[in-house]
Amino acid sequence: MSTAFPTAARRVAMAAIAAAMTTAAAAAPLYRIQKLDRPDGIEPEHATAISSTGIIVGYGRTPDEASLAPYIRKRHKTLPLEQPGVLTRVWSVNARGEVAGESDGHAFRWDAAGHAIDMDALASCKGEPGSKTSRATSINDAGTVTLVAQCRVAGVWQEKGFVVHGHQATELPDFGDHRSYASAVNNHDQVAGSSVLAANADGYTFRRALRWQDGDTTDLGTGGGCCSHATAINDLGHVTLNSDDETSHERLYVSDGHTLHKLFNCNKRYPLVAAAINNHDVVIANTDGTGVGYLFEQGHCHQFTDLMDDSGEGWSMMTLHGINDDGVVVGEGVLNKHWRAFIATPVSR
């Protein structure tokens, strides 16, 4: 079954997509970059998300380099979050400062006070004993969380995606192969993810990008090839996805639920994978494998290192993870031969 926007809402959504994809000449934005402060006991190497209210989360190494620990930055002050395990990573933060992530193979969420809550039991997965792992991939402003569980069944790892409201988890529907993935949730509880089609006559299975809400699933299709997977979603319901096109090359697209819009790939060698899309349809993406960051705005693609003002001197290898509606970008890059988490603020448009 496919969802459909109300007529007026669909017109607004289509207009927004059209505006974002226009090829009219536009001045490139200019950014000022700042490395994040070091909280007690953590070297902030990675900034993984930013909320609409400017709250930033990420993780980094402890001084002994024996573990990964999470942090949160509120009101220009960086503080450690509770660390439930040795390897703790966080992936999403909402406007209230609630956080989604993982620690030692368990999905976790953190409340606004920074206390960790284990969510692993909510992601049911019937596999071989001791083979289950889980992680929380996103959280919206109402506290809805997306989870992904991995289980080994008959020696094969399988993924299942879930949406969690409070203490109630709903498994995402699959397209016949009993495997699904939940990438992100927006503030209307629309989920971007993917599902695997049942094997065809030749025994091949294919992943397809989807948008899901209240039991209603939209197959977002492909760019002409066999496969696609969704990575991010904004509050307009626009989804970023990767798909092979009719020439079997992997490309980056934005879907409004009805039409795929191909983004111009300004890097010719490596496919780009979107990390986030804001409510102005500005997309940040990174090269697959090398992690070099790019920004798509008004139909133009920019390598992010080319958008820095004088504050960018010495920075290289910028990987992008989050962008909010003010255009503020977070990620990590190399500064003085070390990985450092950063916040980049637009100073011109």
C-alpha atoms as a PDB file:
ATOM      1  CA  MET A   1       0.000   0.000   0.000  1.00  0.00           C
ATOM      2  CA  SER A   2       1.256   3.479  -0.757  1.00  0.00           C
ATOM      3  CA  THR A   3       0.679   6.652   1.201  1.00  0.00           C
ATOM      4  CA  ALA A   4      -0.434   9.840  -0.506  1.00  0.00           C
ATOM      5  CA  PHE A   5      -0.136  13.431   0.667  1.00  0.00           C
ATOM      6  CA  PRO A   6      -3.299  15.536   0.818  1.00  0.00           C
ATOM      7  CA  THR A   7      -3.499  17.652  -2.323  1.00  0.00           C
ATOM      8  CA  ALA A   8      -2.380  20.932  -0.717  1.00  0.00           C
ATOM      9  CA  ALA A   9       0.428  19.278   1.229  1.00  0.00           C
ATOM     10  CA  ARG A  10       1.598  17.489  -1.890  1.00  0.00           C
ATOM     11  CA  ARG A  11       1.778  20.783  -3.788  1.00  0.00           C
ATOM     12  CA  VAL A  12       3.908  22.271  -1.003  1.00  0.00           C
ATOM     13  CA  ALA A  13       6.172  19.230  -0.949  1.00  0.00           C
ATOM     14  CA  MET A  14       6.629  19.209  -4.713  1.00  0.00           C
ATOM     15  CA  ALA A  15       7.386  22.936  -4.731  1.00  0.00           C
ATOM     16  CA  ALA A  16      10.017  22.486  -2.038  1.00  0.00           C
ATOM     17  CA  ILE A  17      11.671  19.632  -3.913  1.00  0.00           C
ATOM     18  CA  ALA A  18      11.629  21.613  -7.147  1.00  0.00           C
ATOM     19  CA  ALA A  19      13.201  24.624  -5.470  1.00  0.00           C
ATOM     20  CA  ALA A  20      15.942  22.514  -3.933  1.00  0.00           C
ATOM     21  CA  MET A  21      16.740  20.723  -7.169  1.00  0.00           C
ATOM     22  CA  THR A  22      16.809  23.796  -9.426  1.00  0.00           C
ATOM     23  CA  THR A  23      19.986  24.336 -11.424  1.00  0.00           C
ATOM     24  CA  ALA A  24      19.786  28.117 -11.283  1.00  0.00           C
ATOM     25  CA  ALA A  25      23.063  29.728 -10.364  1.00  0.00           C
ATOM     26  CA  ALA A  26      23.458  30.311  -6.644  1.00  0.00           C
ATOM     27  CA  ALA A  27      26.297  31.597  -4.521  1.00  0.00           C
ATOM     28  CA  ALA A  28      28.021  28.923  -2.498  1.00  0.00           C
ATOM     29  CA  PRO A  29      27.534  29.247   1.258  1.00  0.00           C
ATOM     30  CA  LEU A  30      30.573  30.116   3.365  1.00  0.00           C
ATOM     31  CA  TYR A  31      31.200  28.401   6.706  1.00  0.00           C
ATOM     32  CA  ARG A  32      33.202  29.145   9.837  1.00  0.00           C
ATOM     33  CA  ILE A  33      34.509  26.009  11.544  1.00  0.00           C
ATOM     34  CA  GLN A  34      35.211  25.440  15.233  1.00  0.00           C
ATOM     35  CA  LYS A  35      36.499  22.316  16.966  1.00  0.00           C
ATOM     36  CA  LEU A  36      34.391  21.167  19.886  1.00  0.00           C
ATOM     37  CA  ASP A  37      35.572  21.678  23.448  1.00  0.00           C
ATOM     38  CA  ARG A  38      36.967  18.698  25.298  1.00  0.00           C
ATOM     39  CA  PRO A  39      34.695  17.446  28.099  1.00  0.00           C
ATOM     40  CA  ASP A  40      36.240  15.774  31.135  1.00  0.00           C
ATOM     41  CA  GLY A  41      37.676  12.412  30.173  1.00  0.00           C
ATOM     42  CA  ILE A  42      36.794  12.450  26.444  1.00  0.00           C
ATOM     43  CA  GLU A  43      38.587  13.549  23.307  1.00  0.00           C
ATOM     44  CA  PRO A  44      35.629  14.504  21.031  1.00  0.00           C
ATOM     45  CA  GLU A  45      36.684  12.893  17.755  1.00  0.00           C
ATOM     46  CA  HIS A  46      33.227  12.504  16.202  1.00  0.00           C
ATOM     47  CA  ALA A  47      30.179  14.819  16.125  1.00  0.00           C
ATOM     48  CA  THR A  48      27.330  12.690  14.845  1.00  0.00           C
ATOM     49  CA  ALA A  49      24.132  14.781  15.090  1.00  0.00           C
ATOM     50  CA  ILE A  50      22.701  18.234  15.757  1.00  0.00           C
ATOM     51  CA  SER A  51      19.139  19.040  16.837  1.00  0.00           C
ATOM     52  CA  SER A  52      16.852  21.834  15.665  1.00  0.00           C
ATOM     53  CA  THR A  53      17.797  23.660  18.885  1.00  0.00           C
ATOM     54  CA  GLY A  54      21.534  23.362  18.267  1.00  0.00           C
ATOM     55  CA  ILE A  55      22.283  20.507  20.686  1.00  0.00           C
ATOM     56  CA  ILE A  56      25.205  18.395  19.435  1.00  0.00           C
ATOM     57  CA  VAL A  57      26.130  14.823  20.323  1.00  0.00           C
ATOM     58  CA  GLY A  58      29.043  12.615  19.452  1.00  0.00           C
ATOM     59  CA  TYR A  59      31.657  10.328  20.920  1.00  0.00           C
ATOM     60  CA  GLY A  60      35.396  10.061  21.341  1.00  0.00           C
ATOM     61  CA  ARG A  61      38.258   8.220  22.967  1.00  0.00           C
ATOM     62  CA  THR A  62      38.963   8.186  26.668  1.00  0.00           C
ATOM     63  CA  PRO A  63      42.483   9.260  27.752  1.00  0.00           C
ATOM     64  CA  ASP A  64      43.702   5.643  27.941  1.00  0.00           C
ATOM     65  CA  GLU A  65      42.231   5.062  24.439  1.00  0.00           C
ATOM     66  CA  ALA A  66      40.670   1.859  25.766  1.00  0.00           C
ATOM     67  CA  SER A  67      37.044   2.849  25.198  1.00  0.00           C
ATOM     68  CA  LEU A  68      34.647   5.112  23.308  1.00  0.00           C
ATOM     69  CA  ALA A  69      32.558   7.517  25.378  1.00  0.00           C
ATOM     70  CA  PRO A  70      29.602   9.780  24.422  1.00  0.00           C
ATOM     71  CA  TYR A  71      29.212  13.508  24.973  1.00  0.00           C
ATOM     72  CA  ILE A  72      26.581  16.214  24.519  1.00  0.00           C
ATOM     73  CA  ARG A  73      27.031  19.932  23.821  1.00  0.00           C
ATOM     74  CA  LYS A  74      24.329  22.258  25.152  1.00  0.00           C
ATOM     75  CA  ARG A  75      24.468  26.043  25.310  1.00  0.00           C
ATOM     76  CA  HIS A  76      28.113  26.059  24.194  1.00  0.00           C
ATOM     77  CA  LYS A  77      29.196  23.665  26.946  1.00  0.00           C
ATOM     78  CA  THR A  78      30.358  20.112  26.202  1.00  0.00           C
ATOM     79  CA  LEU A  79      29.606  17.463  28.845  1.00  0.00           C
ATOM     80  CA  PRO A  80      29.994  13.675  29.046  1.00  0.00           C
ATOM     81  CA  LEU A  81      26.931  11.454  28.851  1.00  0.00           C
ATOM     82  CA  GLU A  82      26.555   8.385  31.023  1.00  0.00           C
ATOM     83  CA  GLN A  83      28.694   5.588  29.570  1.00  0.00           C
ATOM     84  CA  PRO A  84      26.971   2.211  30.043  1.00  0.00           C
ATOM     85  CA  GLY A  85      29.674   0.144  28.311  1.00  0.00           C
ATOM     86  CA  VAL A  86      33.157   0.189  26.859  1.00  0.00           C
ATOM     87  CA  LEU A  87      32.210   0.971  23.251  1.00  0.00           C
ATOM     88  CA  THR A  88      29.488   3.619  23.292  1.00  0.00           C
ATOM     89  CA  ARG A  89      28.399   5.567  20.205  1.00  0.00           C
ATOM     90  CA  VAL A  90      25.513   7.997  19.766  1.00  0.00           C
ATOM     91  CA  TRP A  91      23.787   8.737  16.467  1.00  0.00           C
ATOM     92  CA  SER A  92      20.876  11.124  17.007  1.00  0.00           C
ATOM     93  CA  VAL A  93      19.615  13.874  19.324  1.00  0.00           C
ATOM     94  CA  ASN A  94      16.265  15.660  19.568  1.00  0.00           C
ATOM     95  CA  ALA A  95      15.295  19.204  20.539  1.00  0.00           C
ATOM     96  CA  ARG A  96      14.967  18.218  24.213  1.00  0.00           C
ATOM     97  CA  GLY A  97      18.442  16.714  24.414  1.00  0.00           C
ATOM     98  CA  GLU A  98      17.309  13.077  24.350  1.00  0.00           C
ATOM     99  CA  VAL A  99      19.799  10.855  22.549  1.00  0.00           C
ATOM    100  CA  ALA A 100      19.772   7.558  20.624  1.00  0.00           C
ATOM    101  CA  GLY A 101      22.746   5.264  20.185  1.00  0.00           C
ATOM    102  CA  GLU A 102      24.359   2.005  21.243  1.00  0.00           C
ATOM    103  CA  SER A 103      26.768   0.530  23.745  1.00  0.00           C
ATOM    104  CA  ASP A 104      28.470  -2.874  23.662  1.00  0.00           C
ATOM    105  CA  GLY A 105      25.932  -4.297  21.230  1.00  0.00           C
ATOM    106  CA  HIS A 106      22.789  -2.939  22.941  1.00  0.00           C
ATOM    107  CA  ALA A 107      20.490  -0.167  21.721  1.00  0.00           C
ATOM    108  CA  PHE A 108      20.306   2.727  24.186  1.00  0.00           C
ATOM    109  CA  ARG A 109      18.527   6.008  24.589  1.00  0.00           C
ATOM    110  CA  TRP A 110      19.591   8.775  26.948  1.00  0.00           C
ATOM    111  CA  ASP A 111      17.069  10.986  28.706  1.00  0.00           C
ATOM    112  CA  ALA A 112      17.447  14.766  28.863  1.00  0.00           C
ATOM    113  CA  ALA A 113      19.457  14.426  32.080  1.00  0.00           C
ATOM    114  CA  GLY A 114      22.022  12.225  30.318  1.00  0.00           C
ATOM    115  CA  HIS A 115      21.031   8.908  31.938  1.00  0.00           C
ATOM    116  CA  ALA A 116      21.300   5.799  29.731  1.00  0.00           C
ATOM    117  CA  ILE A 117      18.306   3.459  29.219  1.00  0.00           C
ATOM    118  CA  ASP A 118      18.851  -0.007  27.716  1.00  0.00           C
ATOM    119  CA  MET A 119      16.371  -0.698  24.863  1.00  0.00           C
ATOM    120  CA  ASP A 120      17.774  -4.011  23.647  1.00  0.00           C
ATOM    121  CA  ALA A 121      14.880  -6.094  25.012  1.00  0.00           C
ATOM    122  CA  LEU A 122      12.406  -4.131  22.857  1.00  0.00           C
ATOM    123  CA  ALA A 123      14.034  -5.311  19.626  1.00  0.00           C
ATOM    124  CA  SER A 124      12.850  -8.922  19.461  1.00  0.00           C
ATOM    125  CA  CYS A 125      14.993 -11.134  17.278  1.00  0.00           C
ATOM    126  CA  LYS A 126      14.874 -14.940  17.277  1.00  0.00           C
ATOM    127  CA  GLY A 127      18.328 -16.143  16.420  1.00  0.00           C
ATOM    128  CA  GLU A 128      21.078 -18.343  17.746  1.00  0.00           C
ATOM    129  CA  PRO A 129      21.820 -17.867  21.478  1.00  0.00           C
ATOM    130  CA  GLY A 130      24.219 -15.005  22.138  1.00  0.00           C
ATOM    131  CA  SER A 131      24.114 -13.775  18.557  1.00  0.00           C
ATOM    132  CA  LYS A 132      21.886 -10.707  18.895  1.00  0.00           C
ATOM    133  CA  THR A 133      23.044  -7.095  18.696  1.00  0.00           C
ATOM    134  CA  SER A 134      20.961  -3.918  18.510  1.00  0.00           C
ATOM    135  CA  ARG A 135      21.374  -0.171  18.076  1.00  0.00           C
ATOM    136  CA  ALA A 136      19.123   2.875  18.164  1.00  0.00           C
ATOM    137  CA  THR A 137      19.558   4.817  14.915  1.00  0.00           C
ATOM    138  CA  SER A 138      17.439   7.955  15.451  1.00  0.00           C
ATOM    139  CA  ILE A 139      15.088   9.815  17.795  1.00  0.00           C
ATOM    140  CA  ASN A 140      12.520  12.519  17.010  1.00  0.00           C
ATOM    141  CA  ASP A 141      11.355  15.435  19.131  1.00  0.00           C
ATOM    142  CA  ALA A 142       8.501  13.397  20.655  1.00  0.00           C
ATOM    143  CA  GLY A 143      10.915  10.662  21.744  1.00  0.00           C
ATOM    144  CA  THR A 144      10.022   8.099  19.056  1.00  0.00           C
ATOM    145  CA  VAL A 145      13.071   5.916  18.405  1.00  0.00           C
ATOM    146  CA  THR A 146      14.100   3.713  15.487  1.00  0.00           C
ATOM    147  CA  LEU A 147      15.979   0.518  16.344  1.00  0.00           C
ATOM    148  CA  VAL A 148      17.823  -2.079  14.305  1.00  0.00           C
ATOM    149  CA  ALA A 149      18.447  -5.593  15.600  1.00  0.00           C
ATOM    150  CA  GLN A 150      20.819  -8.115  14.072  1.00  0.00           C
ATOM    151  CA  CYS A 151      20.463 -11.848  14.706  1.00  0.00           C
ATOM    152  CA  ARG A 152      22.301 -14.829  13.332  1.00  0.00           C
ATOM    153  CA  VAL A 153      19.887 -17.416  11.956  1.00  0.00           C
ATOM    154  CA  ALA A 154      21.294 -20.661  10.531  1.00  0.00           C
ATOM    155  CA  GLY A 155      24.702 -19.020  10.366  1.00  0.00           C
ATOM    156  CA  VAL A 156      23.425 -15.942   8.461  1.00  0.00           C
ATOM    157  CA  TRP A 157      23.087 -12.462   9.997  1.00  0.00           C
ATOM    158  CA  GLN A 158      19.670 -10.886   9.482  1.00  0.00           C
ATOM    159  CA  GLU A 159      18.484  -7.340  10.238  1.00  0.00           C
ATOM    160  CA  LYS A 160      15.105  -6.208  11.537  1.00  0.00           C
ATOM    161  CA  GLY A 161      13.945  -2.603  11.915  1.00  0.00           C
ATOM    162  CA  PHE A 162      11.650  -1.321  14.682  1.00  0.00           C
ATOM    163  CA  VAL A 163       9.852   1.871  15.656  1.00  0.00           C
ATOM    164  CA  VAL A 164       9.520   2.434  19.416  1.00  0.00           C
ATOM    165  CA  HIS A 165       6.889   4.621  21.066  1.00  0.00           C
ATOM    166  CA  GLY A 166       7.479   4.604  24.809  1.00  0.00           C
ATOM    167  CA  HIS A 167       7.889   0.920  25.687  1.00  0.00           C
ATOM    168  CA  GLN A 168       6.043  -0.407  22.627  1.00  0.00           C
ATOM    169  CA  ALA A 169       8.090  -1.579  19.629  1.00  0.00           C
ATOM    170  CA  THR A 170       6.578  -2.135  16.187  1.00  0.00           C
ATOM    171  CA  GLU A 171       8.525  -4.143  13.632  1.00  0.00           C
ATOM    172  CA  LEU A 172       8.783  -2.568  10.199  1.00  0.00           C
ATOM    173  CA  PRO A 173       7.054  -4.548   7.454  1.00  0.00           C
ATOM    174  CA  ASP A 174       9.225  -6.481   5.060  1.00  0.00           C
ATOM    175  CA  PHE A 175       8.808  -7.042   1.344  1.00  0.00           C
ATOM    176  CA  GLY A 176       8.875 -10.826   1.553  1.00  0.00           C
ATOM    177  CA  ASP A 177      12.344 -11.806   2.820  1.00  0.00           C
ATOM    178  CA  HIS A 178      11.785 -11.087   6.557  1.00  0.00           C
ATOM    179  CA  ARG A 179      14.577  -8.478   6.666  1.00  0.00           C
ATOM    180  CA  SER A 180      14.204  -4.728   7.180  1.00  0.00           C
ATOM    181  CA  TYR A 181      16.185  -1.703   8.322  1.00  0.00           C
ATOM    182  CA  ALA A 182      15.081   1.519  10.079  1.00  0.00           C
ATOM    183  CA  SER A 183      17.383   4.442   9.271  1.00  0.00           C
ATOM    184  CA  ALA A 184      15.619   7.554  10.599  1.00  0.00           C
ATOM    185  CA  VAL A 185      12.326   8.981  11.876  1.00  0.00           C
ATOM    186  CA  ASN A 186      10.969  12.513  11.396  1.00  0.00           C
ATOM    187  CA  ASN A 187       8.707  14.586  13.656  1.00  0.00           C
ATOM    188  CA  HIS A 188       5.568  13.182  11.975  1.00  0.00           C
ATOM    189  CA  ASP A 189       6.613   9.611  12.873  1.00  0.00           C
ATOM    190  CA  GLN A 190       7.423   8.831   9.247  1.00  0.00           C
ATOM    191  CA  VAL A 191      10.275   6.330   9.059  1.00  0.00           C
ATOM    192  CA  ALA A 192      12.855   5.985   6.299  1.00  0.00           C
ATOM    193  CA  GLY A 193      14.351   2.565   5.879  1.00  0.00           C
ATOM    194  CA  SER A 194      14.535  -0.417   3.614  1.00  0.00           C
ATOM    195  CA  SER A 195      13.244  -3.924   3.196  1.00  0.00           C
ATOM    196  CA  VAL A 196      14.340  -6.956   1.229  1.00  0.00           C
ATOM    197  CA  LEU A 197      12.235  -8.456  -1.524  1.00  0.00           C
ATOM    198  CA  ALA A 198      11.612 -12.187  -1.551  1.00  0.00           C
ATOM    199  CA  ALA A 199      14.047 -14.142  -3.724  1.00  0.00           C
ATOM    200  CA  ASN A 200      13.256 -14.149  -7.431  1.00  0.00           C
ATOM    201  CA  ALA A 201      13.293 -17.187  -9.702  1.00  0.00           C
ATOM    202  CA  ASP A 202      17.093 -17.034  -9.847  1.00  0.00           C
ATOM    203  CA  GLY A 203      17.378 -16.957  -6.056  1.00  0.00           C
ATOM    204  CA  TYR A 204      18.484 -13.309  -5.806  1.00  0.00           C
ATOM    205  CA  THR A 205      17.143 -10.911  -3.185  1.00  0.00           C
ATOM    206  CA  PHE A 206      17.113  -7.106  -3.508  1.00  0.00           C
ATOM    207  CA  ARG A 207      16.869  -4.283  -0.969  1.00  0.00           C
ATOM    208  CA  ARG A 208      14.305  -1.545  -1.596  1.00  0.00           C
ATOM    209  CA  ALA A 209      13.996   1.845   0.096  1.00  0.00           C
ATOM    210  CA  LEU A 210      10.745   2.530   1.938  1.00  0.00           C
ATOM    211  CA  ARG A 211       8.874   5.198   3.863  1.00  0.00           C
ATOM    212  CA  TRP A 212       6.577   3.914   6.605  1.00  0.00           C
ATOM    213  CA  GLN A 213       3.942   5.513   8.820  1.00  0.00           C
ATOM    214  CA  ASP A 214       1.202   3.955  10.970  1.00  0.00           C
ATOM    215  CA  GLY A 215       1.345   0.642   9.123  1.00  0.00           C
ATOM    216  CA  ASP A 216       1.255   2.260   5.691  1.00  0.00           C
ATOM    217  CA  THR A 217       4.301   1.530   3.526  1.00  0.00           C
ATOM    218  CA  THR A 218       5.544   3.351   0.446  1.00  0.00           C
ATOM    219  CA  ASP A 219       8.016   1.514  -1.775  1.00  0.00           C
ATOM    220  CA  LEU A 220      10.282   4.339  -2.966  1.00  0.00           C
ATOM    221  CA  GLY A 221      11.484   2.338  -5.943  1.00  0.00           C
ATOM    222  CA  THR A 222      14.854   2.616  -7.676  1.00  0.00           C
ATOM    223  CA  GLY A 223      16.632   4.869 -10.149  1.00  0.00           C
ATOM    224  CA  GLY A 224      16.277   2.239 -12.855  1.00  0.00           C
ATOM    225  CA  GLY A 225      18.267  -0.622 -11.358  1.00  0.00           C
ATOM    226  CA  CYS A 226      17.439  -3.408  -8.941  1.00  0.00           C
ATOM    227  CA  CYS A 227      18.120  -1.974  -5.517  1.00  0.00           C
ATOM    228  CA  SER A 228      17.840   1.027  -3.215  1.00  0.00           C
ATOM    229  CA  HIS A 229      18.193   1.925   0.449  1.00  0.00           C
ATOM    230  CA  ALA A 230      17.074   5.008   2.391  1.00  0.00           C
ATOM    231  CA  THR A 231      19.360   6.902   4.748  1.00  0.00           C
ATOM    232  CA  ALA A 232      17.613  10.058   6.057  1.00  0.00           C
ATOM    233  CA  ILE A 233      14.249  11.855   6.142  1.00  0.00           C
ATOM    234  CA  ASN A 234      13.081  15.412   6.868  1.00  0.00           C
ATOM    235  CA  ASP A 235       9.774  16.732   8.215  1.00  0.00           C
ATOM    236  CA  LEU A 236       8.393  17.146   4.677  1.00  0.00           C
ATOM    237  CA  GLY A 237       8.667  13.397   4.276  1.00  0.00           C
ATOM    238  CA  HIS A 238      11.478  13.765   1.741  1.00  0.00           C
ATOM    239  CA  VAL A 239      13.857  10.814   1.865  1.00  0.00           C
ATOM    240  CA  THR A 240      17.474  10.527   0.752  1.00  0.00           C
ATOM    241  CA  LEU A 241      18.357   7.222  -0.793  1.00  0.00           C
ATOM    242  CA  ASN A 242      20.990   5.439  -2.801  1.00  0.00           C
ATOM    243  CA  SER A 243      20.076   3.380  -5.808  1.00  0.00           C
ATOM    244  CA  ASP A 244      21.698   1.970  -8.892  1.00  0.00           C
ATOM    245  CA  ASP A 245      20.491   3.695 -12.037  1.00  0.00           C
ATOM    246  CA  GLU A 246      19.744   2.236 -15.468  1.00  0.00           C
ATOM    247  CA  THR A 247      23.500   2.082 -16.168  1.00  0.00           C
ATOM    248  CA  SER A 248      24.135   0.089 -12.939  1.00  0.00           C
ATOM    249  CA  HIS A 249      25.976   3.045 -11.328  1.00  0.00           C
ATOM    250  CA  GLU A 250      25.054   3.876  -7.734  1.00  0.00           C
ATOM    251  CA  ARG A 251      23.592   7.377  -7.436  1.00  0.00           C
ATOM    252  CA  LEU A 252      22.178   9.633  -4.728  1.00  0.00           C
ATOM    253  CA  TYR A 253      18.487  10.601  -4.908  1.00  0.00           C
ATOM    254  CA  VAL A 254      15.825  12.501  -2.979  1.00  0.00           C
ATOM    255  CA  SER A 255      12.296  11.079  -3.009  1.00  0.00           C
ATOM    256  CA  ASP A 256       9.107  12.948  -2.106  1.00  0.00           C
ATOM    257  CA  GLY A 257       7.251   9.630  -1.913  1.00  0.00           C
ATOM    258  CA  HIS A 258       6.176   9.841  -5.559  1.00  0.00           C
ATOM    259  CA  THR A 259       9.200  10.825  -7.648  1.00  0.00           C
ATOM    260  CA  LEU A 260      12.943  10.260  -7.418  1.00  0.00           C
ATOM    261  CA  HIS A 261      15.141  13.299  -8.049  1.00  0.00           C
ATOM    262  CA  LYS A 262      18.762  12.464  -8.888  1.00  0.00           C
ATOM    263  CA  LEU A 263      21.376  14.678  -7.237  1.00  0.00           C
ATOM    264  CA  PHE A 264      24.342  15.637  -9.378  1.00  0.00           C
ATOM    265  CA  ASN A 265      27.352  13.610  -8.243  1.00  0.00           C
ATOM    266  CA  CYS A 266      30.187  16.129  -8.053  1.00  0.00           C
ATOM    267  CA  ASN A 267      32.628  13.380  -7.154  1.00  0.00           C
ATOM    268  CA  LYS A 268      33.160  11.179 -10.171  1.00  0.00           C
ATOM    269  CA  ARG A 269      35.097   8.343  -8.595  1.00  0.00           C
ATOM    270  CA  TYR A 270      33.111   7.271  -5.550  1.00  0.00           C
ATOM    271  CA  PRO A 271      29.349   7.035  -4.908  1.00  0.00           C
ATOM    272  CA  LEU A 272      27.974   9.465  -2.322  1.00  0.00           C
ATOM    273  CA  VAL A 273      25.829   8.399   0.655  1.00  0.00           C
ATOM    274  CA  ALA A 274      23.598  11.007   2.325  1.00  0.00           C
ATOM    275  CA  ALA A 275      24.011  11.551   6.060  1.00  0.00           C
ATOM    276  CA  ALA A 276      21.170  14.038   6.635  1.00  0.00           C
ATOM    277  CA  ILE A 277      18.600  16.302   4.952  1.00  0.00           C
ATOM    278  CA  ASN A 278      17.135  19.402   6.601  1.00  0.00           C
ATOM    279  CA  ASN A 279      13.691  20.927   6.084  1.00  0.00           C
ATOM    280  CA  HIS A 280      15.036  23.180   3.306  1.00  0.00           C
ATOM    281  CA  ASP A 281      16.110  20.054   1.387  1.00  0.00           C
ATOM    282  CA  VAL A 282      19.789  20.821   1.905  1.00  0.00           C
ATOM    283  CA  VAL A 283      21.578  17.471   1.846  1.00  0.00           C
ATOM    284  CA  ILE A 284      24.940  16.516   3.299  1.00  0.00           C
ATOM    285  CA  ALA A 285      26.657  13.386   2.035  1.00  0.00           C
ATOM    286  CA  ASN A 286      29.977  11.582   2.134  1.00  0.00           C
ATOM    287  CA  THR A 287      31.896   9.479  -0.333  1.00  0.00           C
ATOM    288  CA  ASP A 288      31.399   5.789   0.315  1.00  0.00           C
ATOM    289  CA  GLY A 289      34.594   4.377   1.745  1.00  0.00           C
ATOM    290  CA  THR A 290      36.680   7.563   1.920  1.00  0.00           C
ATOM    291  CA  GLY A 291      34.278   9.730   3.967  1.00  0.00           C
ATOM    292  CA  VAL A 292      34.885  13.016   2.137  1.00  0.00           C
ATOM    293  CA  GLY A 293      31.960  15.370   2.811  1.00  0.00           C
ATOM    294  CA  TYR A 294      29.786  17.230   0.302  1.00  0.00           C
ATOM    295  CA  LEU A 295      26.869  19.648   0.584  1.00  0.00           C
ATOM    296  CA  PHE A 296      23.973  19.834  -1.914  1.00  0.00           C
ATOM    297  CA  GLU A 297      22.040  23.083  -2.008  1.00  0.00           C
ATOM    298  CA  GLN A 298      19.802  24.571  -4.731  1.00  0.00           C
ATOM    299  CA  GLY A 299      20.916  22.028  -7.284  1.00  0.00           C
ATOM    300  CA  HIS A 300      24.633  22.554  -6.673  1.00  0.00           C
ATOM    301  CA  CYS A 301      27.149  20.177  -5.124  1.00  0.00           C
ATOM    302  CA  HIS A 302      30.078  21.524  -3.095  1.00  0.00           C
ATOM    303  CA  GLN A 303      32.973  19.711  -1.485  1.00  0.00           C
ATOM    304  CA  PHE A 304      32.716  20.923   2.090  1.00  0.00           C
ATOM    305  CA  THR A 305      36.385  21.816   2.488  1.00  0.00           C
ATOM    306  CA  ASP A 306      35.894  24.346  -0.343  1.00  0.00           C
ATOM    307  CA  LEU A 307      33.248  26.212   1.709  1.00  0.00           C
ATOM    308  CA  MET A 308      35.475  27.192   4.642  1.00  0.00           C
ATOM    309  CA  ASP A 309      36.520  30.766   5.438  1.00  0.00           C
ATOM    310  CA  ASP A 310      39.952  31.433   6.997  1.00  0.00           C
ATOM    311  CA  SER A 311      39.008  29.329  10.031  1.00  0.00           C
ATOM    312  CA  GLY A 312      39.279  26.226   7.827  1.00  0.00           C
ATOM    313  CA  GLU A 313      43.044  26.528   7.497  1.00  0.00           C
ATOM    314  CA  GLY A 314      44.655  23.268   8.568  1.00  0.00           C
ATOM    315  CA  TRP A 315      41.474  21.180   8.314  1.00  0.00           C
ATOM    316  CA  SER A 316      41.168  18.283   5.859  1.00  0.00           C
ATOM    317  CA  MET A 317      39.213  15.061   5.286  1.00  0.00           C
ATOM    318  CA  MET A 318      35.913  16.447   6.589  1.00  0.00           C
ATOM    319  CA  THR A 319      33.173  13.860   7.126  1.00  0.00           C
ATOM    320  CA  LEU A 320      29.662  15.279   7.674  1.00  0.00           C
ATOM    321  CA  HIS A 321      26.983  13.776   9.910  1.00  0.00           C
ATOM    322  CA  GLY A 322      24.316  16.352  10.796  1.00  0.00           C
ATOM    323  CA  ILE A 323      22.705  19.560   9.554  1.00  0.00           C
ATOM    324  CA  ASN A 324      19.854  21.580  11.071  1.00  0.00           C
ATOM    325  CA  ASP A 325      17.463  24.107   9.528  1.00  0.00           C
ATOM    326  CA  ASP A 326      19.881  26.965  10.256  1.00  0.00           C
ATOM    327  CA  GLY A 327      22.398  25.220   8.013  1.00  0.00           C
ATOM    328  CA  VAL A 328      24.763  24.405  10.891  1.00  0.00           C
ATOM    329  CA  VAL A 329      26.796  21.293  10.077  1.00  0.00           C
ATOM    330  CA  VAL A 330      28.584  18.880  12.418  1.00  0.00           C
ATOM    331  CA  GLY A 331      31.061  16.132  11.722  1.00  0.00           C
ATOM    332  CA  GLU A 332      34.728  15.362  12.076  1.00  0.00           C
ATOM    333  CA  GLY A 333      37.918  16.146  10.221  1.00  0.00           C
ATOM    334  CA  VAL A 334      41.675  16.020  10.492  1.00  0.00           C
ATOM    335  CA  LEU A 335      43.324  18.980  12.231  1.00  0.00           C
ATOM    336  CA  ASN A 336      47.057  18.905  12.988  1.00  0.00           C
ATOM    337  CA  LYS A 337      47.120  15.203  12.098  1.00  0.00           C
ATOM    338  CA  HIS A 338      44.386  14.324  14.625  1.00  0.00           C
ATOM    339  CA  TRP A 339      40.690  13.621  14.206  1.00  0.00           C
ATOM    340  CA  ARG A 340      38.568  16.356  15.772  1.00  0.00           C
ATOM    341  CA  ALA A 341      34.825  16.872  16.039  1.00  0.00           C
ATOM    342  CA  PHE A 342      33.654  20.196  14.633  1.00  0.00           C
ATOM    343  CA  ILE A 343      30.713  22.538  14.273  1.00  0.00           C
ATOM    344  CA  ALA A 344      30.538  24.609  11.086  1.00  0.00           C
ATOM    345  CA  THR A 345      28.273  27.661  11.056  1.00  0.00           C
ATOM    346  CA  PRO A 346      27.224  29.466   7.848  1.00  0.00           C
ATOM    347  CA  VAL A 347      28.453  33.067   7.755  1.00  0.00           C
ATOM    348  CA  SER A 348      27.028  33.915   4.331  1.00  0.00           C
ATOM    349  CA  ARG A 349      24.356  32.571   2.005  1.00  0.00           C
END
